[in-house]
């Protein structure tokens, strides 16, 4: 996919607007509603996004400072995202919302004029600036899904899912490495039904392993918001081996969701 960083940042803004449409009208007590992520309430989902928005701006403008802070956070153990959520759980809902809005604005302002290929440190492998924005979009959509599920809200799929699907396919090897496994040599062809009726495809058309189905379902699987068996994806055995451990986000191996 060609890298147009301003367009990617605009997509991040649009995804942010969709999430804000869900949470801005909520009464303070609604922020305490449990989400499908065990132990996480709506407030934790938004606080998580705000914390890591601050972190990605630091990774862009102060790499040494970011590395120091990241080492301290990761030194708390593989469950550091849960500990970070607990750290800010005392904040009032209104303050969490204000924090997120400001932190996201800082991301947009900092990354809009950035070099798409600039290398940034992160909590896993270094990433380009473009990949960092894609990751923020993916996280916004994924945590937004938890919020939507908690509220019983339906979200219409958009073309922005292509960024998340692309990241999911690109991190296939990463998903195996997280679990100390060798990725199989067999290539995988991924063909997804886009929201507008087009087909998005990755990989060699002649690859022995295949994944087909709705783009939104692949995004739900690689962000670990749905178990593969709860989707309409169709996968050959080798591709299924990947999808049951697929993880497009950094950090320790995620627990996934039950079927």
C-alpha atoms as a PDB file:
ATOM      1  CA  UNK A   1       0.000   0.000   0.000  1.00  0.00           C
ATOM      2  CA  UNK A   2       1.468   3.415  -0.912  1.00  0.00           C
ATOM      3  CA  UNK A   3       2.210   5.590   2.109  1.00  0.00           C
ATOM      4  CA  UNK A   4       0.334   8.899   2.151  1.00  0.00           C
ATOM      5  CA  UNK A   5       0.896  10.004   5.741  1.00  0.00           C
ATOM      6  CA  UNK A   6      -1.474  13.016   5.709  1.00  0.00           C
ATOM      7  CA  UNK A   7      -4.253  10.776   4.348  1.00  0.00           C
ATOM      8  CA  UNK A   8      -3.447   8.159   6.978  1.00  0.00           C
ATOM      9  CA  UNK A   9      -3.595  10.792   9.713  1.00  0.00           C
ATOM     10  CA  UNK A  10      -6.951  11.958   8.311  1.00  0.00           C
ATOM     11  CA  UNK A  11      -8.228   8.374   8.595  1.00  0.00           C
ATOM     12  CA  UNK A  12      -7.040   8.306  12.200  1.00  0.00           C
ATOM     13  CA  UNK A  13      -9.012  11.489  12.838  1.00  0.00           C
ATOM     14  CA  UNK A  14     -12.117   9.941  11.284  1.00  0.00           C
ATOM     15  CA  UNK A  15     -11.753   6.803  13.415  1.00  0.00           C
ATOM     16  CA  UNK A  16     -11.305   9.008  16.467  1.00  0.00           C
ATOM     17  CA  UNK A  17     -14.507  10.895  15.637  1.00  0.00           C
ATOM     18  CA  UNK A  18     -16.437   7.607  15.474  1.00  0.00           C
ATOM     19  CA  UNK A  19     -15.146   6.590  18.897  1.00  0.00           C
ATOM     20  CA  UNK A  20     -15.905   9.985  20.409  1.00  0.00           C
ATOM     21  CA  UNK A  21     -19.454   9.724  19.081  1.00  0.00           C
ATOM     22  CA  UNK A  22     -19.831   6.655  21.302  1.00  0.00           C
ATOM     23  CA  UNK A  23     -18.294   7.987  24.497  1.00  0.00           C
ATOM     24  CA  UNK A  24     -18.896  11.749  24.596  1.00  0.00           C
ATOM     25  CA  UNK A  25     -22.650  11.393  25.307  1.00  0.00           C
ATOM     26  CA  UNK A  26     -22.118   8.886  28.138  1.00  0.00           C
ATOM     27  CA  UNK A  27     -23.055   9.751  31.697  1.00  0.00           C
ATOM     28  CA  UNK A  28     -20.207   9.295  34.219  1.00  0.00           C
ATOM     29  CA  UNK A  29     -21.636   6.035  35.563  1.00  0.00           C
ATOM     30  CA  UNK A  30     -21.714   4.538  32.054  1.00  0.00           C
ATOM     31  CA  UNK A  31     -17.925   4.863  31.910  1.00  0.00           C
ATOM     32  CA  UNK A  32     -17.817   2.195  34.633  1.00  0.00           C
ATOM     33  CA  UNK A  33     -19.543  -0.361  32.405  1.00  0.00           C
ATOM     34  CA  UNK A  34     -17.580  -3.580  31.884  1.00  0.00           C
ATOM     35  CA  UNK A  35     -16.251  -4.322  28.388  1.00  0.00           C
ATOM     36  CA  UNK A  36     -15.466  -7.762  26.885  1.00  0.00           C
ATOM     37  CA  UNK A  37     -11.793  -7.316  27.873  1.00  0.00           C
ATOM     38  CA  UNK A  38     -11.596  -8.995  31.266  1.00  0.00           C
ATOM     39  CA  UNK A  39     -11.225  -6.452  34.058  1.00  0.00           C
ATOM     40  CA  UNK A  40     -11.479  -3.470  31.727  1.00  0.00           C
ATOM     41  CA  UNK A  41     -14.245  -0.885  31.860  1.00  0.00           C
ATOM     42  CA  UNK A  42     -15.012   1.742  29.239  1.00  0.00           C
ATOM     43  CA  UNK A  43     -12.859   4.250  31.166  1.00  0.00           C
ATOM     44  CA  UNK A  44      -9.899   1.847  30.936  1.00  0.00           C
ATOM     45  CA  UNK A  45     -10.235   1.532  27.174  1.00  0.00           C
ATOM     46  CA  UNK A  46     -10.098   5.304  26.685  1.00  0.00           C
ATOM     47  CA  UNK A  47      -7.350   5.827  29.271  1.00  0.00           C
ATOM     48  CA  UNK A  48      -5.282   3.159  27.512  1.00  0.00           C
ATOM     49  CA  UNK A  49      -5.564   5.001  24.205  1.00  0.00           C
ATOM     50  CA  UNK A  50      -4.622   8.310  25.826  1.00  0.00           C
ATOM     51  CA  UNK A  51      -1.561   6.854  27.572  1.00  0.00           C
ATOM     52  CA  UNK A  52      -0.166   5.287  24.421  1.00  0.00           C
ATOM     53  CA  UNK A  53      -0.991   8.361  22.347  1.00  0.00           C
ATOM     54  CA  UNK A  54       1.270  10.305  24.698  1.00  0.00           C
ATOM     55  CA  UNK A  55       3.868   7.564  24.303  1.00  0.00           C
ATOM     56  CA  UNK A  56       3.871   7.575  20.496  1.00  0.00           C
ATOM     57  CA  UNK A  57       4.369  11.344  20.394  1.00  0.00           C
ATOM     58  CA  UNK A  58       7.309  10.899  22.762  1.00  0.00           C
ATOM     59  CA  UNK A  59       8.709   8.178  20.492  1.00  0.00           C
ATOM     60  CA  UNK A  60       8.625  10.664  17.621  1.00  0.00           C
ATOM     61  CA  UNK A  61      10.038  13.756  19.313  1.00  0.00           C
ATOM     62  CA  UNK A  62      12.168  12.372  22.193  1.00  0.00           C
ATOM     63  CA  UNK A  63      13.368   8.865  21.421  1.00  0.00           C
ATOM     64  CA  UNK A  64      15.813   8.644  24.327  1.00  0.00           C
ATOM     65  CA  UNK A  65      13.133   9.791  26.755  1.00  0.00           C
ATOM     66  CA  UNK A  66      10.694   7.307  25.288  1.00  0.00           C
ATOM     67  CA  UNK A  67      13.135   4.405  25.617  1.00  0.00           C
ATOM     68  CA  UNK A  68      13.765   5.225  29.272  1.00  0.00           C
ATOM     69  CA  UNK A  69      10.055   5.472  30.075  1.00  0.00           C
ATOM     70  CA  UNK A  70       9.191   2.361  28.034  1.00  0.00           C
ATOM     71  CA  UNK A  71      11.845   0.275  29.792  1.00  0.00           C
ATOM     72  CA  UNK A  72      10.402   1.315  33.136  1.00  0.00           C
ATOM     73  CA  UNK A  73       6.853   0.465  32.073  1.00  0.00           C
ATOM     74  CA  UNK A  74       7.760  -2.877  30.494  1.00  0.00           C
ATOM     75  CA  UNK A  75       9.851  -3.720  33.552  1.00  0.00           C
ATOM     76  CA  UNK A  76       6.615  -4.042  35.480  1.00  0.00           C
ATOM     77  CA  UNK A  77       5.923  -7.313  33.695  1.00  0.00           C
ATOM     78  CA  UNK A  78       4.088  -8.606  30.627  1.00  0.00           C
ATOM     79  CA  UNK A  79       0.781  -7.351  32.007  1.00  0.00           C
ATOM     80  CA  UNK A  80       1.977  -3.729  32.006  1.00  0.00           C
ATOM     81  CA  UNK A  81      -1.039  -2.508  29.949  1.00  0.00           C
ATOM     82  CA  UNK A  82      -3.319  -3.743  32.748  1.00  0.00           C
ATOM     83  CA  UNK A  83      -1.136  -2.032  35.334  1.00  0.00           C
ATOM     84  CA  UNK A  84      -1.169   1.214  33.353  1.00  0.00           C
ATOM     85  CA  UNK A  85      -4.968   1.024  33.227  1.00  0.00           C
ATOM     86  CA  UNK A  86      -5.076   0.516  36.985  1.00  0.00           C
ATOM     87  CA  UNK A  87      -2.776   3.499  37.543  1.00  0.00           C
ATOM     88  CA  UNK A  88      -5.271   5.928  36.009  1.00  0.00           C
ATOM     89  CA  UNK A  89      -8.482   4.284  37.156  1.00  0.00           C
ATOM     90  CA  UNK A  90      -8.965   6.940  39.837  1.00  0.00           C
ATOM     91  CA  UNK A  91      -9.413   9.701  37.259  1.00  0.00           C
ATOM     92  CA  UNK A  92     -12.948  11.044  36.748  1.00  0.00           C
ATOM     93  CA  UNK A  93     -14.538  10.098  33.429  1.00  0.00           C
ATOM     94  CA  UNK A  94     -14.549  13.709  32.263  1.00  0.00           C
ATOM     95  CA  UNK A  95     -10.816  13.968  32.904  1.00  0.00           C
ATOM     96  CA  UNK A  96     -10.107  10.750  30.998  1.00  0.00           C
ATOM     97  CA  UNK A  97     -12.094  12.050  28.028  1.00  0.00           C
ATOM     98  CA  UNK A  98     -10.272  15.395  28.083  1.00  0.00           C
ATOM     99  CA  UNK A  99      -6.927  13.582  28.310  1.00  0.00           C
ATOM    100  CA  UNK A 100      -7.734  11.393  25.321  1.00  0.00           C
ATOM    101  CA  UNK A 101      -8.930  14.276  23.157  1.00  0.00           C
ATOM    102  CA  UNK A 102      -5.788  16.273  23.903  1.00  0.00           C
ATOM    103  CA  UNK A 103      -3.439  13.336  23.459  1.00  0.00           C
ATOM    104  CA  UNK A 104      -5.008  12.385  20.139  1.00  0.00           C
ATOM    105  CA  UNK A 105      -4.770  15.980  18.905  1.00  0.00           C
ATOM    106  CA  UNK A 106      -1.063  15.893  19.769  1.00  0.00           C
ATOM    107  CA  UNK A 107      -0.643  12.725  17.662  1.00  0.00           C
ATOM    108  CA  UNK A 108      -2.367  14.335  14.689  1.00  0.00           C
ATOM    109  CA  UNK A 109      -0.331  17.534  14.970  1.00  0.00           C
ATOM    110  CA  UNK A 110       2.986  15.717  15.414  1.00  0.00           C
ATOM    111  CA  UNK A 111       2.610  13.062  12.735  1.00  0.00           C
ATOM    112  CA  UNK A 112       0.913  15.108  10.006  1.00  0.00           C
ATOM    113  CA  UNK A 113       4.205  16.668   8.820  1.00  0.00           C
ATOM    114  CA  UNK A 114       6.450  13.726   9.823  1.00  0.00           C
ATOM    115  CA  UNK A 115       8.611  11.651   7.488  1.00  0.00           C
ATOM    116  CA  UNK A 116       6.579   8.456   6.836  1.00  0.00           C
ATOM    117  CA  UNK A 117       9.732   6.345   6.819  1.00  0.00           C
ATOM    118  CA  UNK A 118      11.281   7.713  10.017  1.00  0.00           C
ATOM    119  CA  UNK A 119      12.069   4.867  12.435  1.00  0.00           C
ATOM    120  CA  UNK A 120      10.518   5.084  15.880  1.00  0.00           C
ATOM    121  CA  UNK A 121      11.110   2.909  18.953  1.00  0.00           C
ATOM    122  CA  UNK A 122       8.130   1.129  20.473  1.00  0.00           C
ATOM    123  CA  UNK A 123       7.252  -1.552  23.028  1.00  0.00           C
ATOM    124  CA  UNK A 124       8.176  -4.214  20.490  1.00  0.00           C
ATOM    125  CA  UNK A 125      10.179  -3.831  17.281  1.00  0.00           C
ATOM    126  CA  UNK A 126      10.862  -0.329  15.979  1.00  0.00           C
ATOM    127  CA  UNK A 127       8.295   0.954  13.492  1.00  0.00           C
ATOM    128  CA  UNK A 128       8.127   3.587  10.794  1.00  0.00           C
ATOM    129  CA  UNK A 129       6.142   6.747  11.461  1.00  0.00           C
ATOM    130  CA  UNK A 130       3.514   5.512   9.000  1.00  0.00           C
ATOM    131  CA  UNK A 131       3.243   2.168  10.786  1.00  0.00           C
ATOM    132  CA  UNK A 132       2.977   3.991  14.107  1.00  0.00           C
ATOM    133  CA  UNK A 133      -0.045   5.950  12.873  1.00  0.00           C
ATOM    134  CA  UNK A 134      -1.547   2.762  11.448  1.00  0.00           C
ATOM    135  CA  UNK A 135      -1.089   1.139  14.838  1.00  0.00           C
ATOM    136  CA  UNK A 136      -2.874   4.039  16.546  1.00  0.00           C
ATOM    137  CA  UNK A 137      -5.754   3.662  14.099  1.00  0.00           C
ATOM    138  CA  UNK A 138      -5.851  -0.099  14.724  1.00  0.00           C
ATOM    139  CA  UNK A 139      -5.849   0.425  18.489  1.00  0.00           C
ATOM    140  CA  UNK A 140      -8.583   3.050  18.237  1.00  0.00           C
ATOM    141  CA  UNK A 141     -10.784   0.728  16.205  1.00  0.00           C
ATOM    142  CA  UNK A 142     -10.071  -2.302  18.406  1.00  0.00           C
ATOM    143  CA  UNK A 143     -10.663  -0.582  21.737  1.00  0.00           C
ATOM    144  CA  UNK A 144     -13.620   1.153  20.138  1.00  0.00           C
ATOM    145  CA  UNK A 145     -15.017  -2.306  19.393  1.00  0.00           C
ATOM    146  CA  UNK A 146     -14.824  -3.173  23.076  1.00  0.00           C
ATOM    147  CA  UNK A 147     -16.655   0.051  23.894  1.00  0.00           C
ATOM    148  CA  UNK A 148     -19.296  -0.636  21.243  1.00  0.00           C
ATOM    149  CA  UNK A 149     -19.773  -4.182  22.545  1.00  0.00           C
ATOM    150  CA  UNK A 150     -20.161  -2.876  26.102  1.00  0.00           C
ATOM    151  CA  UNK A 151     -22.840  -0.442  24.921  1.00  0.00           C
ATOM    152  CA  UNK A 152     -24.564  -2.899  22.589  1.00  0.00           C
ATOM    153  CA  UNK A 153     -23.836  -0.552  19.685  1.00  0.00           C
ATOM    154  CA  UNK A 154     -23.348  -1.568  16.056  1.00  0.00           C
ATOM    155  CA  UNK A 155     -20.591   0.076  14.023  1.00  0.00           C
ATOM    156  CA  UNK A 156     -20.724   0.226  10.238  1.00  0.00           C
ATOM    157  CA  UNK A 157     -17.501  -1.076   8.621  1.00  0.00           C
ATOM    158  CA  UNK A 158     -15.543   1.536   6.666  1.00  0.00           C
ATOM    159  CA  UNK A 159     -12.711   1.578   4.158  1.00  0.00           C
ATOM    160  CA  UNK A 160     -10.377   2.381   7.043  1.00  0.00           C
ATOM    161  CA  UNK A 161     -10.406  -1.314   7.852  1.00  0.00           C
ATOM    162  CA  UNK A 162      -7.895  -1.797   5.042  1.00  0.00           C
ATOM    163  CA  UNK A 163      -5.173  -0.279   7.204  1.00  0.00           C
ATOM    164  CA  UNK A 164      -5.950  -2.737  10.004  1.00  0.00           C
ATOM    165  CA  UNK A 165      -6.166  -5.717   7.671  1.00  0.00           C
ATOM    166  CA  UNK A 166      -2.841  -4.749   6.099  1.00  0.00           C
ATOM    167  CA  UNK A 167      -1.222  -4.520   9.520  1.00  0.00           C
ATOM    168  CA  UNK A 168      -2.722  -7.870  10.476  1.00  0.00           C
ATOM    169  CA  UNK A 169      -1.290  -9.588   7.401  1.00  0.00           C
ATOM    170  CA  UNK A 170       2.087  -7.864   7.785  1.00  0.00           C
ATOM    171  CA  UNK A 171       2.431  -9.065  11.400  1.00  0.00           C
ATOM    172  CA  UNK A 172       1.929 -12.760  10.635  1.00  0.00           C
ATOM    173  CA  UNK A 173       5.581 -13.556  11.398  1.00  0.00           C
ATOM    174  CA  UNK A 174       5.444 -11.368  14.513  1.00  0.00           C
ATOM    175  CA  UNK A 175       2.519 -13.427  15.838  1.00  0.00           C
ATOM    176  CA  UNK A 176       4.631 -16.588  15.673  1.00  0.00           C
ATOM    177  CA  UNK A 177       7.735 -14.959  17.158  1.00  0.00           C
ATOM    178  CA  UNK A 178       5.731 -13.744  20.159  1.00  0.00           C
ATOM    179  CA  UNK A 179       4.977 -17.386  20.928  1.00  0.00           C
ATOM    180  CA  UNK A 180       8.528 -18.540  20.231  1.00  0.00           C
ATOM    181  CA  UNK A 181       7.441 -20.455  17.157  1.00  0.00           C
ATOM    182  CA  UNK A 182       8.819 -20.561  13.638  1.00  0.00           C
ATOM    183  CA  UNK A 183       6.430 -19.207  11.029  1.00  0.00           C
ATOM    184  CA  UNK A 184       5.613 -21.887   8.427  1.00  0.00           C
ATOM    185  CA  UNK A 185       7.325 -21.553   5.060  1.00  0.00           C
ATOM    186  CA  UNK A 186       4.052 -21.900   3.145  1.00  0.00           C
ATOM    187  CA  UNK A 187       2.795 -18.537   1.880  1.00  0.00           C
ATOM    188  CA  UNK A 188      -0.725 -17.334   2.599  1.00  0.00           C
ATOM    189  CA  UNK A 189      -3.079 -15.617   0.168  1.00  0.00           C
ATOM    190  CA  UNK A 190      -5.609 -13.329   1.851  1.00  0.00           C
ATOM    191  CA  UNK A 191      -8.700 -12.168  -0.063  1.00  0.00           C
ATOM    192  CA  UNK A 192     -11.197 -10.032   1.824  1.00  0.00           C
ATOM    193  CA  UNK A 193     -14.607  -8.632   0.976  1.00  0.00           C
ATOM    194  CA  UNK A 194     -14.335  -4.885   1.560  1.00  0.00           C
ATOM    195  CA  UNK A 195     -17.244  -2.801   2.882  1.00  0.00           C
ATOM    196  CA  UNK A 196     -17.732  -1.193  -0.549  1.00  0.00           C
ATOM    197  CA  UNK A 197     -17.935  -4.533  -2.377  1.00  0.00           C
ATOM    198  CA  UNK A 198     -14.352  -4.563  -3.646  1.00  0.00           C
ATOM    199  CA  UNK A 199     -11.868  -7.330  -2.866  1.00  0.00           C
ATOM    200  CA  UNK A 200      -8.705  -6.526  -0.923  1.00  0.00           C
ATOM    201  CA  UNK A 201      -5.920  -9.026  -1.503  1.00  0.00           C
ATOM    202  CA  UNK A 202      -2.454  -9.776  -0.155  1.00  0.00           C
ATOM    203  CA  UNK A 203       0.020 -12.497  -1.115  1.00  0.00           C
ATOM    204  CA  UNK A 204       0.688 -14.685  -4.106  1.00  0.00           C
ATOM    205  CA  UNK A 205      -2.528 -15.796  -5.852  1.00  0.00           C
ATOM    206  CA  UNK A 206      -0.969 -19.255  -6.137  1.00  0.00           C
ATOM    207  CA  UNK A 207      -0.073 -19.558  -2.430  1.00  0.00           C
ATOM    208  CA  UNK A 208      -0.973 -22.940  -0.924  1.00  0.00           C
ATOM    209  CA  UNK A 209      -2.690 -21.397   2.105  1.00  0.00           C
ATOM    210  CA  UNK A 210      -5.708 -19.098   1.835  1.00  0.00           C
ATOM    211  CA  UNK A 211      -7.988 -16.876   3.899  1.00  0.00           C
ATOM    212  CA  UNK A 212     -11.232 -15.489   2.513  1.00  0.00           C
ATOM    213  CA  UNK A 213     -14.185 -13.668   4.023  1.00  0.00           C
ATOM    214  CA  UNK A 214     -15.326 -10.258   5.280  1.00  0.00           C
ATOM    215  CA  UNK A 215     -12.590  -7.711   5.915  1.00  0.00           C
ATOM    216  CA  UNK A 216     -14.185  -6.725   9.217  1.00  0.00           C
ATOM    217  CA  UNK A 217     -13.880 -10.313  10.434  1.00  0.00           C
ATOM    218  CA  UNK A 218     -10.151 -10.482   9.739  1.00  0.00           C
ATOM    219  CA  UNK A 219      -9.733  -7.185  11.592  1.00  0.00           C
ATOM    220  CA  UNK A 220     -11.661  -8.568  14.558  1.00  0.00           C
ATOM    221  CA  UNK A 221      -9.434 -11.659  14.596  1.00  0.00           C
ATOM    222  CA  UNK A 222      -6.028  -9.963  14.272  1.00  0.00           C
ATOM    223  CA  UNK A 223      -6.950  -7.470  17.012  1.00  0.00           C
ATOM    224  CA  UNK A 224      -8.192 -10.404  19.129  1.00  0.00           C
ATOM    225  CA  UNK A 225     -11.697  -8.986  19.471  1.00  0.00           C
ATOM    226  CA  UNK A 226     -13.311 -12.165  18.131  1.00  0.00           C
ATOM    227  CA  UNK A 227     -12.242 -15.792  18.024  1.00  0.00           C
ATOM    228  CA  UNK A 228     -11.779 -17.144  14.508  1.00  0.00           C
ATOM    229  CA  UNK A 229     -14.673 -19.565  15.013  1.00  0.00           C
ATOM    230  CA  UNK A 230     -17.026 -16.656  15.747  1.00  0.00           C
ATOM    231  CA  UNK A 231     -16.453 -15.155  12.291  1.00  0.00           C
ATOM    232  CA  UNK A 232     -17.300 -15.944   8.671  1.00  0.00           C
ATOM    233  CA  UNK A 233     -13.647 -16.304   7.659  1.00  0.00           C
ATOM    234  CA  UNK A 234     -12.734 -19.433   5.709  1.00  0.00           C
ATOM    235  CA  UNK A 235      -9.131 -20.601   6.087  1.00  0.00           C
ATOM    236  CA  UNK A 236      -7.040 -23.583   5.043  1.00  0.00           C
ATOM    237  CA  UNK A 237      -5.369 -25.500   7.861  1.00  0.00           C
ATOM    238  CA  UNK A 238      -2.057 -23.641   7.627  1.00  0.00           C
ATOM    239  CA  UNK A 239      -3.755 -20.254   7.516  1.00  0.00           C
ATOM    240  CA  UNK A 240      -5.953 -21.204  10.443  1.00  0.00           C
ATOM    241  CA  UNK A 241      -2.820 -22.022  12.439  1.00  0.00           C
ATOM    242  CA  UNK A 242      -1.833 -18.375  12.005  1.00  0.00           C
ATOM    243  CA  UNK A 243      -5.254 -16.862  12.656  1.00  0.00           C
ATOM    244  CA  UNK A 244      -5.788 -18.542  16.009  1.00  0.00           C
ATOM    245  CA  UNK A 245      -2.643 -16.758  17.295  1.00  0.00           C
ATOM    246  CA  UNK A 246      -2.796 -13.630  15.104  1.00  0.00           C
ATOM    247  CA  UNK A 247      -1.842 -10.450  16.934  1.00  0.00           C
ATOM    248  CA  UNK A 248      -1.458  -7.089  15.214  1.00  0.00           C
ATOM    249  CA  UNK A 249      -0.557  -5.200  18.393  1.00  0.00           C
ATOM    250  CA  UNK A 250       2.691  -4.983  20.384  1.00  0.00           C
ATOM    251  CA  UNK A 251       3.298  -6.458  23.797  1.00  0.00           C
ATOM    252  CA  UNK A 252       3.054  -9.938  25.267  1.00  0.00           C
ATOM    253  CA  UNK A 253       0.945 -12.623  23.570  1.00  0.00           C
ATOM    254  CA  UNK A 254      -2.700 -11.704  24.046  1.00  0.00           C
ATOM    255  CA  UNK A 255      -5.208 -14.171  25.497  1.00  0.00           C
ATOM    256  CA  UNK A 256      -7.665 -13.667  22.640  1.00  0.00           C
ATOM    257  CA  UNK A 257     -11.379 -14.286  23.035  1.00  0.00           C
ATOM    258  CA  UNK A 258     -13.425 -17.416  23.473  1.00  0.00           C
ATOM    259  CA  UNK A 259     -15.456 -18.716  20.513  1.00  0.00           C
END
